[in-house]
N, C-alpha and C. Protein backbone atom coordinates (compact mmCIF):
# COMPACT_ATOMS: atom_id res chain seq x y z
N MET A 1 1.18 -0.74 0.36
CA MET A 1 -0.52 0.02 0.04
C MET A 1 1.11 0.99 0.24
N PRO A 2 1.57 0.89 1.04
CA PRO A 2 3.01 2.42 0.86
C PRO A 2 3.74 3.31 -0.13
N GLU A 3 3.91 1.08 -0.69
CA GLU A 3 4.60 1.00 -2.07
C GLU A 3 4.02 2.09 -3.22
N GLU A 4 1.98 2.04 -3.22
CA GLU A 4 1.03 3.20 -4.16
C GLU A 4 1.33 4.32 -4.48
N PHE A 5 1.78 4.18 -2.68
CA PHE A 5 1.25 5.72 -2.51
C PHE A 5 2.25 7.23 -3.49
N PHE A 6 3.03 5.72 -3.09
CA PHE A 6 4.69 6.41 -3.10
C PHE A 6 4.82 6.47 -4.92
N LEU A 7 4.69 5.98 -5.95
CA LEU A 7 4.15 5.22 -6.51
C LEU A 7 3.51 6.26 -8.28
N LYS A 8 2.71 6.62 -6.62
CA LYS A 8 1.42 7.73 -7.24
C LYS A 8 1.59 9.03 -8.15
N TYR A 9 2.71 9.38 -6.37
CA TYR A 9 3.16 10.68 -6.48
C TYR A 9 4.72 11.19 -7.54
N LEU A 10 4.70 10.23 -7.57
CA LEU A 10 6.40 9.94 -7.98
C LEU A 10 7.21 11.63 -8.74
N PRO A 11 5.57 11.28 -10.26
CA PRO A 11 5.53 12.65 -10.99
C PRO A 11 6.05 13.43 -10.18
N PHE A 12 5.31 14.06 -9.31
CA PHE A 12 4.65 15.14 -8.58
C PHE A 12 6.33 15.83 -7.93
N LEU A 13 6.59 14.72 -6.97
CA LEU A 13 7.76 14.78 -6.28
C LEU A 13 9.47 15.27 -7.56
N ILE A 14 9.41 14.18 -7.94
CA ILE A 14 10.75 14.96 -9.27
C ILE A 14 10.29 16.01 -9.48
N ALA A 15 8.94 16.79 -10.36
CA ALA A 15 8.95 18.04 -10.56
C ALA A 15 9.54 18.55 -10.15
N GLY A 16 9.10 18.74 -8.54
CA GLY A 16 8.96 19.65 -7.10
C GLY A 16 10.26 19.62 -7.76
N GLY A 17 11.47 18.33 -7.07
CA GLY A 17 12.66 18.06 -7.36
C GLY A 17 14.07 19.34 -7.97
N LEU A 18 12.92 19.28 -8.98
CA LEU A 18 13.79 20.03 -10.37
C LEU A 18 13.61 21.48 -9.94
N PHE A 19 12.47 22.09 -9.57
CA PHE A 19 11.98 23.19 -9.29
C PHE A 19 12.46 23.07 -8.89
N ILE A 20 12.40 23.20 -7.36
CA ILE A 20 13.70 23.83 -6.40
C ILE A 20 15.50 23.72 -6.51
N GLY A 21 15.29 22.87 -7.48
CA GLY A 21 16.98 22.76 -8.50
C GLY A 21 17.47 23.58 -9.23
N PHE A 22 16.16 24.37 -9.96
CA PHE A 22 16.27 25.31 -11.04
C PHE A 22 16.82 26.16 -10.33
N PHE A 23 15.38 26.66 -9.45
CA PHE A 23 14.99 27.45 -8.95
C PHE A 23 16.53 28.61 -7.95
N GLY A 24 17.20 28.04 -7.63
CA GLY A 24 18.36 27.66 -6.68
C GLY A 24 19.31 28.41 -7.56
N ILE A 25 19.53 27.93 -8.44
CA ILE A 25 20.44 27.81 -9.54
C ILE A 25 20.40 29.28 -10.27
N ALA A 26 19.08 29.44 -10.82
CA ALA A 26 18.70 31.12 -10.63
C ALA A 26 19.04 32.03 -9.71
N ALA A 27 18.95 31.31 -8.75
CA ALA A 27 18.99 32.57 -7.76
C ALA A 27 21.54 32.74 -7.19
N SER A 28 21.61 31.57 -7.35
CA SER A 28 22.18 32.07 -7.66
C SER A 28 23.52 33.17 -9.14
N ILE A 29 22.13 33.18 -9.75
CA ILE A 29 23.16 33.20 -11.93
C ILE A 29 23.15 35.07 -10.91
N TYR A 30 21.29 34.68 -10.67
CA TYR A 30 21.37 36.84 -9.84
C TYR A 30 21.82 36.89 -8.81
N THR A 31 22.05 36.10 -8.42
CA THR A 31 22.71 36.67 -7.06
C THR A 31 24.28 37.94 -7.62
N THR A 32 25.75 36.40 -8.25
CA THR A 32 26.28 36.85 -8.62
C THR A 32 26.42 37.94 -9.52
N ARG A 33 24.91 37.91 -10.52
CA ARG A 33 25.15 39.37 -11.36
C ARG A 33 24.90 40.64 -10.78
N LEU A 34 24.45 40.54 -9.45
CA LEU A 34 24.04 41.64 -8.55
C LEU A 34 24.77 42.01 -8.30
N ARG A 35 26.22 40.68 -7.70
CA ARG A 35 27.77 41.62 -7.15
C ARG A 35 27.89 42.26 -8.43
N ILE A 36 28.58 41.58 -9.26
CA ILE A 36 29.00 42.34 -9.96
C ILE A 36 28.44 43.47 -10.42
N LYS A 37 27.19 43.46 -10.79
CA LYS A 37 27.21 44.92 -11.28
C LYS A 37 27.10 46.12 -10.09
N ASN A 38 27.45 45.78 -8.65
CA ASN A 38 27.28 46.92 -8.51
C ASN A 38 28.65 47.10 -7.88
N GLY A 39 29.12 45.80 -7.87
CA GLY A 39 30.62 46.17 -6.91
C GLY A 39 31.48 45.23 -6.20
N TYR A 40 30.44 44.38 -6.26
CA TYR A 40 30.96 43.38 -4.67
C TYR A 40 31.93 42.96 -5.27
N PRO A 41 32.81 41.89 -3.49
CA PRO A 41 34.05 41.00 -4.57
C PRO A 41 33.40 40.03 -4.45
N LEU A 42 33.68 38.85 -5.31
CA LEU A 42 32.76 37.85 -5.69
C LEU A 42 33.61 36.66 -4.15
N GLU A 43 32.30 35.17 -4.53
CA GLU A 43 33.10 34.73 -3.39
C GLU A 43 34.42 33.03 -3.82
N GLY A 44 35.14 33.36 -3.54
CA GLY A 44 35.68 31.51 -4.67
C GLY A 44 35.00 30.63 -3.15
N THR A 45 35.17 28.93 -3.99
CA THR A 45 35.07 28.27 -3.35
C THR A 45 35.05 27.82 -2.08
N TRP A 46 36.04 28.52 -1.37
CA TRP A 46 36.76 28.16 0.17
C TRP A 46 35.94 29.15 0.46
N GLY A 47 36.27 30.14 0.13
CA GLY A 47 34.89 31.42 1.30
C GLY A 47 36.01 32.75 0.66
N GLN A 48 37.51 32.36 -0.13
CA GLN A 48 38.00 33.82 -0.81
C GLN A 48 37.40 34.73 -1.74
N LYS A 49 38.45 36.53 -1.23
CA LYS A 49 37.06 37.10 -1.97
C LYS A 49 37.74 37.03 -2.76
N HIS A 50 37.05 37.74 -3.96
CA HIS A 50 37.83 37.94 -5.50
C HIS A 50 37.19 39.45 -6.09
N TYR A 51 37.99 40.06 -6.07
CA TYR A 51 37.59 41.07 -6.48
C TYR A 51 38.55 41.78 -7.72
N PRO A 52 37.33 42.26 -9.00
CA PRO A 52 37.88 42.98 -9.50
C PRO A 52 38.69 43.50 -10.60
N LYS A 53 39.67 42.88 -10.86
CA LYS A 53 41.23 44.12 -11.36
C LYS A 53 40.89 44.84 -12.71
N THR A 54 40.93 45.96 -11.63
CA THR A 54 40.65 47.75 -12.24
C THR A 54 42.70 48.04 -12.25
N ASP A 55 43.85 47.08 -13.05
CA ASP A 55 44.86 48.56 -12.97
C ASP A 55 44.47 49.07 -14.39
N GLN A 56 46.34 50.07 -14.55
CA GLN A 56 45.47 51.36 -15.67
C GLN A 56 45.94 50.47 -16.58
N GLU A 57 46.41 50.08 -17.01
CA GLU A 57 46.57 49.19 -18.15
C GLU A 57 44.52 49.14 -18.86
N SER A 58 44.29 47.66 -17.64
CA SER A 58 42.14 47.51 -18.48
C SER A 58 41.92 48.59 -18.99
N ILE A 59 42.33 50.01 -18.35
CA ILE A 59 40.85 51.37 -18.01
C ILE A 59 41.82 51.01 -19.88
N GLU A 60 42.48 51.32 -19.65
CA GLU A 60 43.75 52.04 -20.99
C GLU A 60 42.72 51.49 -22.36
N ARG A 61 43.05 50.56 -22.55
CA ARG A 61 42.61 50.26 -23.27
C ARG A 61 41.50 49.49 -23.68
N ILE A 62 40.04 49.80 -21.94
CA ILE A 62 39.53 50.17 -22.86
C ILE A 62 38.80 50.92 -23.54
N LYS A 63 39.85 51.78 -22.59
CA LYS A 63 38.84 53.65 -23.95
C LYS A 63 39.23 52.43 -24.87
N LEU A 64 40.85 52.83 -26.10
CA LEU A 64 40.79 52.10 -26.55
C LEU A 64 39.69 51.59 -27.74
N LEU A 65 39.81 50.74 -26.83
CA LEU A 65 38.68 49.81 -28.08
C LEU A 65 37.26 50.76 -28.12
N SER A 66 36.44 51.05 -26.88
CA SER A 66 35.33 52.33 -27.22
C SER A 66 35.74 53.17 -28.38
N GLN A 67 36.68 53.75 -29.10
CA GLN A 67 37.13 54.20 -29.73
C GLN A 67 37.36 53.27 -30.92
N GLU A 68 38.14 52.54 -30.19
CA GLU A 68 37.89 51.68 -32.24
C GLU A 68 36.51 51.03 -33.01
N ASN A 69 35.83 50.90 -31.89
CA ASN A 69 34.28 50.84 -31.73
C ASN A 69 34.00 51.54 -31.92
N ALA A 70 33.62 53.53 -31.29
CA ALA A 70 33.15 53.88 -31.94
C ALA A 70 33.33 53.95 -33.55
N GLN A 71 34.99 54.47 -34.65
CA GLN A 71 35.22 54.67 -35.08
C GLN A 71 34.51 53.19 -36.11
N LEU A 72 34.44 52.34 -35.98
CA LEU A 72 33.82 51.39 -36.71
C LEU A 72 32.18 51.69 -36.89
N ARG A 73 31.96 52.23 -35.77
CA ARG A 73 30.17 52.73 -36.63
C ARG A 73 30.00 53.21 -36.67
N ALA A 74 31.17 54.08 -37.03
CA ALA A 74 31.08 55.38 -38.11
C ALA A 74 31.06 55.43 -39.21
N GLU A 75 32.03 53.78 -39.82
CA GLU A 75 32.70 53.75 -41.00
C GLU A 75 30.96 52.66 -41.24
N LEU A 76 30.98 51.89 -40.48
CA LEU A 76 29.87 51.00 -41.24
C LEU A 76 28.11 51.43 -41.38
N GLY A 77 28.20 53.24 -40.84
CA GLY A 77 27.19 53.82 -41.25
C GLY A 77 27.33 54.51 -42.18
N SER A 78 28.13 54.75 -42.69
CA SER A 78 28.96 55.38 -44.68
C SER A 78 28.60 54.29 -44.93
N ILE A 79 28.93 53.34 -44.72
CA ILE A 79 29.27 51.79 -45.56
C ILE A 79 27.29 51.52 -45.83
N LYS A 80 26.72 51.68 -44.69
CA LYS A 80 25.28 51.66 -44.87
C LYS A 80 24.42 52.34 -46.24
N ASP A 81 24.79 53.27 -46.21
CA ASP A 81 24.46 55.41 -46.39
C ASP A 81 24.94 54.18 -48.55
N ARG A 82 26.91 54.80 -48.50
CA ARG A 82 26.77 53.71 -49.58
C ARG A 82 25.39 52.59 -50.47
N LEU A 83 25.48 51.83 -49.51
CA LEU A 83 24.68 50.62 -49.98
C LEU A 83 23.65 50.89 -50.67
N ALA A 84 23.43 51.85 -49.88
CA ALA A 84 21.63 52.06 -49.89
C ALA A 84 21.22 53.05 -51.81
N SER A 85 22.54 53.57 -51.36
CA SER A 85 22.74 54.05 -53.26
C SER A 85 23.10 54.04 -53.85
N VAL A 86 23.89 52.59 -53.74
CA VAL A 86 24.06 51.43 -54.77
C VAL A 86 22.56 50.60 -55.16
N GLU A 87 22.70 50.89 -54.23
CA GLU A 87 20.39 48.86 -54.22
C GLU A 87 20.51 50.52 -55.10
N LYS A 88 19.53 51.61 -54.59
CA LYS A 88 19.03 52.68 -55.45
C LYS A 88 19.25 52.08 -57.19
N ILE A 89 20.52 52.48 -57.34
CA ILE A 89 21.32 52.55 -59.08
C ILE A 89 20.84 51.68 -59.29
N VAL A 90 20.83 49.89 -58.72
CA VAL A 90 20.83 48.78 -59.12
C VAL A 90 19.10 48.82 -59.84
N VAL A 91 18.61 48.25 -58.79
CA VAL A 91 16.80 48.89 -58.15
C VAL A 91 16.42 49.36 -59.60
N ASP A 92 16.54 50.80 -59.96
CA ASP A 92 16.02 52.14 -60.89
C ASP A 92 16.97 51.68 -62.83
N ASP A 93 18.08 51.14 -62.57
CA ASP A 93 18.31 50.38 -64.19
C ASP A 93 18.13 49.43 -64.51
N THR A 94 17.90 48.23 -63.37
CA THR A 94 16.97 47.66 -64.33
C THR A 94 15.44 47.44 -64.12
N HIS A 95 15.43 48.67 -63.86
CA HIS A 95 13.47 48.40 -64.17
C HIS A 95 13.31 49.44 -66.20
N LYS A 96 14.49 50.00 -65.81
CA LYS A 96 14.51 50.95 -66.41
C LYS A 96 15.11 49.85 -67.92
N LEU A 97 15.51 48.76 -67.78
CA LEU A 97 16.74 48.39 -68.12
C LEU A 97 15.11 47.52 -69.33
N THR A 98 14.69 47.09 -68.25
CA THR A 98 13.58 46.44 -68.10
C THR A 98 12.00 47.15 -69.31
N ALA A 99 11.52 48.55 -69.01
CA ALA A 99 11.13 48.81 -69.56
C ALA A 99 12.07 48.52 -71.14
N GLU A 100 12.31 50.39 -71.18
CA GLU A 100 13.07 49.46 -72.99
C GLU A 100 13.71 48.66 -73.33
N ILE A 101 13.38 47.04 -73.20
CA ILE A 101 13.46 46.07 -74.03
C ILE A 101 11.98 46.02 -74.15
N GLU A 102 11.49 45.95 -73.23
CA GLU A 102 9.72 45.74 -73.36
C GLU A 102 8.90 46.52 -74.18
N ALA A 103 9.46 47.76 -74.68
CA ALA A 103 9.98 48.79 -75.38
C ALA A 103 9.90 48.23 -77.02
N LEU A 104 11.18 47.38 -76.85
CA LEU A 104 11.85 47.26 -77.52
C LEU A 104 11.02 45.79 -78.67
N ARG A 105 9.90 45.28 -78.10
CA ARG A 105 9.90 43.96 -78.44
C ARG A 105 8.29 44.58 -78.48
N GLY A 106 7.82 45.57 -78.18
CA GLY A 106 5.76 46.35 -78.54
C GLY A 106 6.44 46.02 -79.86
N PRO A 107 6.98 46.71 -80.46
CA PRO A 107 6.13 47.26 -82.22
C PRO A 107 6.37 45.80 -82.71
N ALA A 108 6.87 45.52 -82.68
CA ALA A 108 7.60 44.10 -83.26
C ALA A 108 6.29 43.40 -83.99
N ASN A 109 5.36 43.60 -82.43
CA ASN A 109 4.22 42.13 -82.53
C ASN A 109 3.85 42.36 -82.83
């Protein structure tokens, strides 16, 4: 009789265990994200503190990468503008060419 009771509720027990496990993992990820966002030190396996490194070299590297990113974004914007112009030319020429071909075919028929 107890086996039947256990087997009857086994899917609910498994689902509950999976839910609790998933919730625990999600809470851990969220807590770590908040610690990083607000500048708190992270904890290692044995409780040691890990502080993010912010030395001068890293700060300079971030500045250089930010400047390069801005330059690349500007270049990408100009390339998009050029591509739009080329597409406009190609589409217009294609329609004109088709119209000219149709005009040449028309009188012959």
